[in-house]
Amino acid sequence: MKEFDQFNNNEGKDKKKNQFTILKDDSTDGHGGYGVGSISLENMTPVIVDPNEGEAFIDMGALHARSKVEKRIKFLPNREEVPNGLLYWIAWITVDHREGSGAGYYGVAASEIRVDRSIKRGYKLMPEHVNHMDKSLKGRHAVDHMDDESKRILGEYLRDFKPELWKNTNQELKDSLGVE
């Protein structure tokens, strides 16, 4: 008699589960197969803004909540539980090519996190991060809630990192970051 895996006792074995997948160049051409509706994050880059040190840097680990700042920290959704947390921003930067002007910074949205390493706790609202990633992918800007120093650090970093991208960025974003 043939045995079927679903009837076997699978205790102790890892079960294969469907997980959220990020597909590069995913096909959404109407075939209706696996992966339809997945989003592509290949044009998005997370930039960590650290106003405490006056620096900004790319950390691709932030796409999966594994940035240098986030490692070994338990995040809570209540800011009051992290009263001595240091402020950081994860800026979700999307680069896109627009007709006539070339590639430029298309969408920029920053999400707040606070980290207190002494108690290994931090503050982060996941729905805010997801919404800001979505805004960035759609070419919107959400930086008005940032403090002026953090906006300046981010703007100067983007300008100096790839001047050709900065040149092709719309003026509205440059003005909201306060950097020319």
Protein backbone atom coordinates (compact mmCIF):
# COMPACT_ATOMS: atom_id res chain seq x y z
CA MET A 1 0.00 0.00 0.00
CA LYS A 2 1.28 3.44 -0.92
CA GLU A 3 1.93 5.89 1.92
CA PHE A 4 0.95 9.51 1.63
CA ASP A 5 3.01 12.19 3.37
CA GLN A 6 -0.05 13.96 4.72
CA PHE A 7 -0.95 10.87 6.77
CA ASN A 8 2.52 10.35 8.19
CA ASN A 9 3.43 11.61 11.60
CA ASN A 10 5.53 14.70 10.74
CA GLU A 11 6.35 15.75 14.26
CA GLY A 12 9.84 17.17 14.50
CA LYS A 13 10.07 17.78 10.76
CA ASP A 14 9.93 21.21 9.25
CA LYS A 15 6.75 21.70 7.29
CA LYS A 16 7.05 23.55 4.04
CA LYS A 17 4.84 26.64 4.13
CA ASN A 18 4.08 29.32 1.62
CA GLN A 19 5.76 32.53 2.60
CA PHE A 20 5.63 36.04 1.22
CA THR A 21 7.94 36.11 -1.77
CA ILE A 22 9.57 39.07 -3.38
CA LEU A 23 10.07 38.25 -7.02
CA LYS A 24 12.42 40.06 -9.33
CA ASP A 25 10.74 40.91 -12.64
CA ASP A 26 7.64 39.05 -11.49
CA SER A 27 5.18 38.22 -14.18
CA THR A 28 1.79 39.85 -13.77
CA ASP A 29 0.82 39.47 -17.40
CA GLY A 30 -2.46 37.72 -16.63
CA HIS A 31 -1.30 34.11 -16.36
CA GLY A 32 -2.79 33.86 -12.86
CA GLY A 33 -0.03 31.62 -11.53
CA TYR A 34 2.00 31.60 -8.35
CA GLY A 35 3.45 34.95 -7.43
CA VAL A 36 0.84 37.14 -9.08
CA GLY A 37 0.32 40.20 -6.94
CA SER A 38 3.78 40.04 -5.41
CA ILE A 39 5.67 43.28 -5.38
CA SER A 40 9.15 43.89 -6.62
CA LEU A 41 11.50 45.79 -4.34
CA GLU A 42 14.44 45.72 -6.73
CA ASN A 43 14.38 49.53 -7.16
CA MET A 44 14.00 50.26 -3.44
CA THR A 45 16.92 50.89 -1.11
CA PRO A 46 16.69 51.49 2.65
CA VAL A 47 18.87 54.30 3.97
CA ILE A 48 19.38 54.53 7.73
CA VAL A 49 19.54 58.12 8.98
CA ASP A 50 21.32 58.47 12.31
CA PRO A 51 20.93 62.03 13.61
CA ASN A 52 22.84 61.04 16.78
CA GLU A 53 26.04 60.53 14.75
CA GLY A 54 25.09 62.90 11.94
CA GLU A 55 25.34 60.21 9.26
CA ALA A 56 23.31 58.21 6.78
CA PHE A 57 24.15 54.84 5.23
CA ILE A 58 22.59 52.14 3.09
CA ASP A 59 21.66 48.95 4.92
CA MET A 60 19.87 46.40 2.73
CA GLY A 61 19.11 44.33 5.83
CA ALA A 62 16.37 46.82 6.68
CA LEU A 63 14.21 45.32 3.91
CA HIS A 64 13.76 42.33 6.21
CA ALA A 65 14.05 44.17 9.56
CA ARG A 66 17.67 43.03 9.92
CA SER A 67 19.57 46.29 9.65
CA LYS A 68 22.59 47.04 11.83
CA VAL A 69 20.39 49.27 13.99
CA GLU A 70 17.59 46.68 14.36
CA LYS A 71 19.64 43.57 15.17
CA ARG A 72 19.22 42.07 18.65
CA ILE A 73 16.42 44.49 19.51
CA LYS A 74 12.86 43.53 20.43
CA PHE A 75 10.56 46.14 18.94
CA LEU A 76 7.44 47.30 20.70
CA PRO A 77 4.57 49.36 19.24
CA ASN A 78 4.47 51.73 22.23
CA ARG A 79 6.98 54.62 22.25
CA GLU A 80 6.55 55.14 26.04
CA GLU A 81 8.10 51.72 26.71
CA VAL A 82 11.40 52.99 25.24
CA PRO A 83 11.80 56.39 26.94
CA ASN A 84 15.59 56.58 26.46
CA GLY A 85 15.64 55.27 22.91
CA LEU A 86 17.88 56.95 20.34
CA LEU A 87 16.13 58.24 17.25
CA TYR A 88 16.84 56.69 13.84
CA TRP A 89 14.98 56.87 10.55
CA ILE A 90 14.69 54.21 7.88
CA ALA A 91 14.23 56.09 4.63
CA TRP A 92 12.73 53.98 1.87
CA ILE A 93 14.25 55.29 -1.37
CA THR A 94 12.89 54.27 -4.77
CA VAL A 95 14.84 55.02 -7.93
CA ASP A 96 13.01 55.13 -11.23
CA HIS A 97 13.64 56.19 -14.80
CA ARG A 98 11.29 58.91 -16.06
CA GLU A 99 10.92 59.92 -19.68
CA GLY A 100 12.86 63.01 -20.60
CA SER A 101 14.84 63.34 -17.39
CA GLY A 102 16.47 59.94 -16.85
CA ALA A 103 16.87 58.02 -13.60
CA GLY A 104 16.29 59.90 -10.37
CA TYR A 105 15.08 59.54 -6.81
CA TYR A 106 11.41 58.84 -7.44
CA GLY A 107 9.90 58.10 -4.01
CA VAL A 108 11.23 58.83 -0.53
CA ALA A 109 9.43 58.02 2.72
CA ALA A 110 11.02 57.80 6.16
CA SER A 111 9.86 55.74 9.13
CA GLU A 112 10.86 56.41 12.72
CA ILE A 113 12.49 53.89 15.00
CA ARG A 114 13.86 54.36 18.49
CA VAL A 115 16.42 52.02 19.98
CA ASP A 116 17.63 51.62 23.57
CA ARG A 117 20.52 49.14 23.42
CA SER A 118 20.88 49.03 27.23
CA ILE A 119 17.50 47.28 27.57
CA LYS A 120 17.52 45.71 24.06
CA ARG A 121 14.17 47.29 23.26
CA GLY A 122 13.01 49.58 20.53
CA TYR A 123 9.97 51.34 19.17
CA LYS A 124 8.71 50.72 15.65
CA LEU A 125 5.27 50.71 14.08
CA MET A 126 5.28 48.05 11.37
CA PRO A 127 2.13 49.35 9.63
CA GLU A 128 3.84 52.74 9.27
CA HIS A 129 6.91 51.12 7.68
CA VAL A 130 4.75 49.15 5.24
CA ASN A 131 2.74 52.25 4.31
CA HIS A 132 5.90 54.29 3.80
CA MET A 133 7.42 51.57 1.62
CA ASP A 134 4.24 51.62 -0.46
CA LYS A 135 4.32 55.42 -0.77
CA SER A 136 7.92 55.32 -1.88
CA LEU A 137 7.19 52.65 -4.50
CA LYS A 138 4.36 54.84 -5.82
CA GLY A 139 6.64 57.87 -6.15
CA ARG A 140 5.35 59.84 -3.18
CA HIS A 141 7.32 61.71 -0.54
CA ALA A 142 6.71 61.36 3.19
CA VAL A 143 9.45 63.28 4.99
CA ASP A 144 7.57 66.22 6.53
CA HIS A 145 7.33 64.43 9.91
CA MET A 146 11.14 64.20 10.18
CA ASP A 147 13.15 66.67 12.22
CA ASP A 148 15.08 69.27 10.19
CA GLU A 149 18.51 67.83 11.03
CA SER A 150 17.53 64.33 9.88
CA LYS A 151 16.05 65.70 6.65
CA ARG A 152 19.26 67.61 5.98
CA ILE A 153 21.41 64.51 6.61
CA LEU A 154 19.24 62.43 4.27
CA GLY A 155 19.16 65.10 1.56
CA GLU A 156 22.92 65.63 1.61
CA TYR A 157 23.51 61.88 1.56
CA LEU A 158 21.26 61.39 -1.48
CA ARG A 159 22.80 64.38 -3.26
CA ASP A 160 26.38 63.24 -2.65
CA PHE A 161 25.80 59.50 -3.16
CA LYS A 162 24.76 59.76 -6.81
CA PRO A 163 24.79 63.35 -8.11
CA GLU A 164 23.28 62.26 -11.45
CA LEU A 165 20.24 60.82 -9.63
CA TRP A 166 19.91 63.96 -7.52
CA LYS A 167 20.03 66.12 -10.64
CA ASN A 168 17.03 64.22 -12.07
CA THR A 169 15.01 64.35 -8.83
CA ASN A 170 11.95 66.58 -8.82
CA GLN A 171 12.23 69.93 -7.09
CA GLU A 172 9.43 69.17 -4.63
CA LEU A 173 11.51 66.44 -2.97
CA LYS A 174 14.63 68.62 -2.90
CA ASP A 175 12.64 71.41 -1.23
CA SER A 176 11.07 69.08 1.34
CA LEU A 177 14.54 67.81 2.32
CA GLY A 178 15.88 71.36 2.45
CA VAL A 179 18.87 70.56 0.23
CA GLU A 180 19.64 71.99 -3.18
